[in-house]
Amino acid sequence: MNKSANFKVNGMHCGGCANKIKKQINELNIENAVEVNVETGNVNIKFNSNQATLAVLKESIAKAGFQVETVELE
């Protein structure tokens, strides 16, 4: 089942930060689409909820070195 979640992330400053997050999410080997807006601190992830949970995605962003402030399921 496809879902979309918006993560408010602290600590992003540049395209390199965005790439770190995208790379970490892609390493989960799940169907996904990741959009990162460095200026607003938003990371929008469209994902298959049969393959991953919000907790797994949040943990993946943390592994990239960033803190998730809030999560909204869309």
N, C-alpha and C. Protein backbone atom coordinates (compact mmCIF):
# COMPACT_ATOMS: atom_id res chain seq x y z
N MET A 1 0.84 -1.18 0.00
CA MET A 1 0.00 0.00 0.00
C MET A 1 0.89 1.24 0.00
N ASN A 2 0.64 2.14 -0.92
CA ASN A 2 1.47 3.34 -1.03
C ASN A 2 1.01 4.42 -0.07
N LYS A 3 1.98 4.99 0.64
CA LYS A 3 1.70 6.08 1.58
C LYS A 3 2.71 7.18 1.34
N SER A 4 2.42 8.34 1.90
CA SER A 4 3.32 9.47 1.81
C SER A 4 3.45 10.08 3.20
N ALA A 5 4.69 10.39 3.57
CA ALA A 5 4.95 10.99 4.88
C ALA A 5 5.87 12.18 4.71
N ASN A 6 5.63 13.20 5.51
CA ASN A 6 6.48 14.38 5.50
C ASN A 6 7.22 14.46 6.83
N PHE A 7 8.54 14.48 6.77
CA PHE A 7 9.39 14.54 7.94
C PHE A 7 10.00 15.93 8.04
N LYS A 8 9.84 16.59 9.17
CA LYS A 8 10.52 17.87 9.43
C LYS A 8 11.86 17.51 10.06
N VAL A 9 12.95 17.86 9.38
CA VAL A 9 14.29 17.41 9.77
C VAL A 9 15.17 18.61 10.12
N ASN A 10 15.87 18.51 11.24
CA ASN A 10 16.81 19.55 11.68
C ASN A 10 18.22 19.24 11.18
N GLY A 11 18.96 20.31 10.87
CA GLY A 11 20.38 20.17 10.59
C GLY A 11 20.78 20.10 9.13
N MET A 12 19.83 20.19 8.21
CA MET A 12 20.20 20.16 6.80
C MET A 12 20.62 21.56 6.36
N HIS A 13 21.75 21.65 5.61
CA HIS A 13 22.21 22.96 5.15
C HIS A 13 22.44 23.03 3.64
N CYS A 14 22.61 21.87 2.98
CA CYS A 14 23.04 21.91 1.58
C CYS A 14 22.58 20.67 0.82
N GLY A 15 22.92 20.66 -0.45
CA GLY A 15 22.60 19.52 -1.30
C GLY A 15 23.28 18.24 -0.84
N GLY A 16 24.45 18.37 -0.24
CA GLY A 16 25.14 17.19 0.29
C GLY A 16 24.33 16.53 1.40
N CYS A 17 23.70 17.35 2.24
CA CYS A 17 22.84 16.82 3.31
C CYS A 17 21.66 16.07 2.70
N ALA A 18 21.06 16.67 1.68
CA ALA A 18 19.93 16.03 1.00
C ALA A 18 20.35 14.70 0.40
N ASN A 19 21.51 14.66 -0.21
CA ASN A 19 22.00 13.42 -0.82
C ASN A 19 22.27 12.34 0.22
N LYS A 20 22.76 12.72 1.40
CA LYS A 20 23.00 11.74 2.47
C LYS A 20 21.69 11.07 2.88
N ILE A 21 20.63 11.88 3.00
CA ILE A 21 19.33 11.33 3.40
C ILE A 21 18.78 10.42 2.30
N LYS A 22 18.83 10.88 1.05
CA LYS A 22 18.34 10.07 -0.06
C LYS A 22 19.08 8.73 -0.15
N LYS A 23 20.39 8.79 0.01
CA LYS A 23 21.21 7.56 -0.06
C LYS A 23 20.81 6.59 1.05
N GLN A 24 20.63 7.10 2.25
CA GLN A 24 20.28 6.25 3.38
C GLN A 24 18.91 5.60 3.17
N ILE A 25 17.94 6.35 2.67
CA ILE A 25 16.61 5.81 2.41
C ILE A 25 16.69 4.74 1.31
N ASN A 26 17.45 5.02 0.26
CA ASN A 26 17.59 4.06 -0.84
C ASN A 26 18.25 2.76 -0.41
N GLU A 27 19.08 2.81 0.62
CA GLU A 27 19.74 1.59 1.12
C GLU A 27 18.75 0.63 1.79
N LEU A 28 17.53 1.10 2.07
CA LEU A 28 16.51 0.22 2.65
C LEU A 28 15.98 -0.78 1.63
N ASN A 29 16.26 -0.53 0.35
CA ASN A 29 15.79 -1.41 -0.74
C ASN A 29 14.28 -1.59 -0.72
N ILE A 30 13.58 -0.47 -0.61
CA ILE A 30 12.12 -0.47 -0.69
C ILE A 30 11.71 0.42 -1.86
N GLU A 31 10.47 0.23 -2.32
CA GLU A 31 9.95 1.14 -3.34
C GLU A 31 9.75 2.49 -2.67
N ASN A 32 10.36 3.53 -3.23
CA ASN A 32 10.22 4.85 -2.61
C ASN A 32 10.50 5.97 -3.59
N ALA A 33 10.06 7.14 -3.22
CA ALA A 33 10.41 8.38 -3.90
C ALA A 33 10.68 9.39 -2.80
N VAL A 34 11.85 10.01 -2.85
CA VAL A 34 12.26 10.94 -1.79
C VAL A 34 12.45 12.33 -2.38
N GLU A 35 11.79 13.31 -1.77
CA GLU A 35 11.99 14.71 -2.13
C GLU A 35 12.49 15.44 -0.89
N VAL A 36 13.61 16.15 -1.03
CA VAL A 36 14.19 16.88 0.09
C VAL A 36 14.23 18.36 -0.24
N ASN A 37 13.69 19.18 0.67
CA ASN A 37 13.74 20.62 0.53
C ASN A 37 14.62 21.14 1.67
N VAL A 38 15.86 21.46 1.35
CA VAL A 38 16.83 21.89 2.35
C VAL A 38 16.39 23.19 3.01
N GLU A 39 15.83 24.11 2.24
CA GLU A 39 15.43 25.42 2.78
C GLU A 39 14.37 25.31 3.86
N THR A 40 13.39 24.42 3.66
CA THR A 40 12.31 24.28 4.65
C THR A 40 12.58 23.18 5.67
N GLY A 41 13.55 22.31 5.38
CA GLY A 41 13.84 21.20 6.28
C GLY A 41 12.87 20.05 6.14
N ASN A 42 12.15 20.01 5.02
CA ASN A 42 11.17 18.95 4.81
C ASN A 42 11.72 17.83 3.94
N VAL A 43 11.42 16.59 4.36
CA VAL A 43 11.74 15.41 3.58
C VAL A 43 10.43 14.68 3.36
N ASN A 44 10.00 14.59 2.10
CA ASN A 44 8.76 13.90 1.77
C ASN A 44 9.13 12.55 1.16
N ILE A 45 8.58 11.49 1.74
CA ILE A 45 8.88 10.15 1.26
C ILE A 45 7.58 9.45 0.90
N LYS A 46 7.50 9.00 -0.35
CA LYS A 46 6.41 8.14 -0.78
C LYS A 46 6.96 6.72 -0.71
N PHE A 47 6.24 5.83 -0.02
CA PHE A 47 6.78 4.50 0.21
C PHE A 47 5.67 3.45 0.27
N ASN A 48 6.05 2.21 0.14
CA ASN A 48 5.12 1.09 0.25
C ASN A 48 5.09 0.67 1.71
N SER A 49 3.94 0.84 2.35
CA SER A 49 3.84 0.55 3.79
C SER A 49 3.93 -0.94 4.10
N ASN A 50 3.86 -1.78 3.08
CA ASN A 50 4.09 -3.21 3.30
C ASN A 50 5.58 -3.52 3.41
N GLN A 51 6.42 -2.56 3.01
CA GLN A 51 7.87 -2.77 3.02
C GLN A 51 8.57 -2.01 4.14
N ALA A 52 7.97 -0.93 4.62
CA ALA A 52 8.63 -0.11 5.65
C ALA A 52 7.59 0.61 6.50
N THR A 53 8.00 0.97 7.70
CA THR A 53 7.15 1.73 8.62
C THR A 53 7.72 3.13 8.79
N LEU A 54 6.93 4.01 9.37
CA LEU A 54 7.42 5.35 9.66
C LEU A 54 8.63 5.29 10.58
N ALA A 55 8.61 4.37 11.54
CA ALA A 55 9.74 4.24 12.48
C ALA A 55 11.02 3.86 11.75
N VAL A 56 10.92 2.97 10.77
CA VAL A 56 12.10 2.56 10.00
C VAL A 56 12.64 3.74 9.19
N LEU A 57 11.73 4.50 8.58
CA LEU A 57 12.16 5.66 7.80
C LEU A 57 12.81 6.72 8.70
N LYS A 58 12.21 6.96 9.85
CA LYS A 58 12.76 7.93 10.81
C LYS A 58 14.14 7.50 11.28
N GLU A 59 14.30 6.22 11.56
CA GLU A 59 15.60 5.68 11.99
C GLU A 59 16.64 5.84 10.88
N SER A 60 16.21 5.65 9.64
CA SER A 60 17.12 5.78 8.51
C SER A 60 17.62 7.22 8.38
N ILE A 61 16.73 8.19 8.58
CA ILE A 61 17.14 9.60 8.54
C ILE A 61 18.12 9.89 9.68
N ALA A 62 17.87 9.32 10.84
CA ALA A 62 18.77 9.49 11.98
C ALA A 62 20.15 8.89 11.69
N LYS A 63 20.17 7.74 11.01
CA LYS A 63 21.44 7.11 10.65
C LYS A 63 22.25 7.99 9.70
N ALA A 64 21.55 8.83 8.93
CA ALA A 64 22.24 9.76 8.02
C ALA A 64 22.82 10.94 8.79
N GLY A 65 22.48 11.05 10.09
CA GLY A 65 23.05 12.11 10.92
C GLY A 65 22.14 13.29 11.18
N PHE A 66 20.83 13.10 10.99
CA PHE A 66 19.90 14.20 11.15
C PHE A 66 18.80 13.83 12.14
N GLN A 67 18.25 14.86 12.80
CA GLN A 67 17.21 14.64 13.80
C GLN A 67 15.85 14.97 13.19
N VAL A 68 14.91 14.02 13.33
CA VAL A 68 13.54 14.24 12.87
C VAL A 68 12.77 14.93 13.98
N GLU A 69 12.22 16.11 13.65
CA GLU A 69 11.45 16.90 14.63
C GLU A 69 10.00 16.42 14.68
N THR A 70 9.36 16.31 13.52
CA THR A 70 7.98 15.85 13.43
C THR A 70 7.78 14.98 12.21
N VAL A 71 6.71 14.17 12.25
CA VAL A 71 6.34 13.32 11.13
C VAL A 71 4.83 13.47 10.91
N GLU A 72 4.45 13.70 9.66
CA GLU A 72 3.04 13.77 9.31
C GLU A 72 2.77 12.78 8.20
N LEU A 73 1.81 11.89 8.44
CA LEU A 73 1.39 10.95 7.39
C LEU A 73 0.37 11.67 6.53
N GLU A 74 0.58 11.65 5.23
CA GLU A 74 -0.33 12.38 4.32
C GLU A 74 -1.30 11.42 3.68
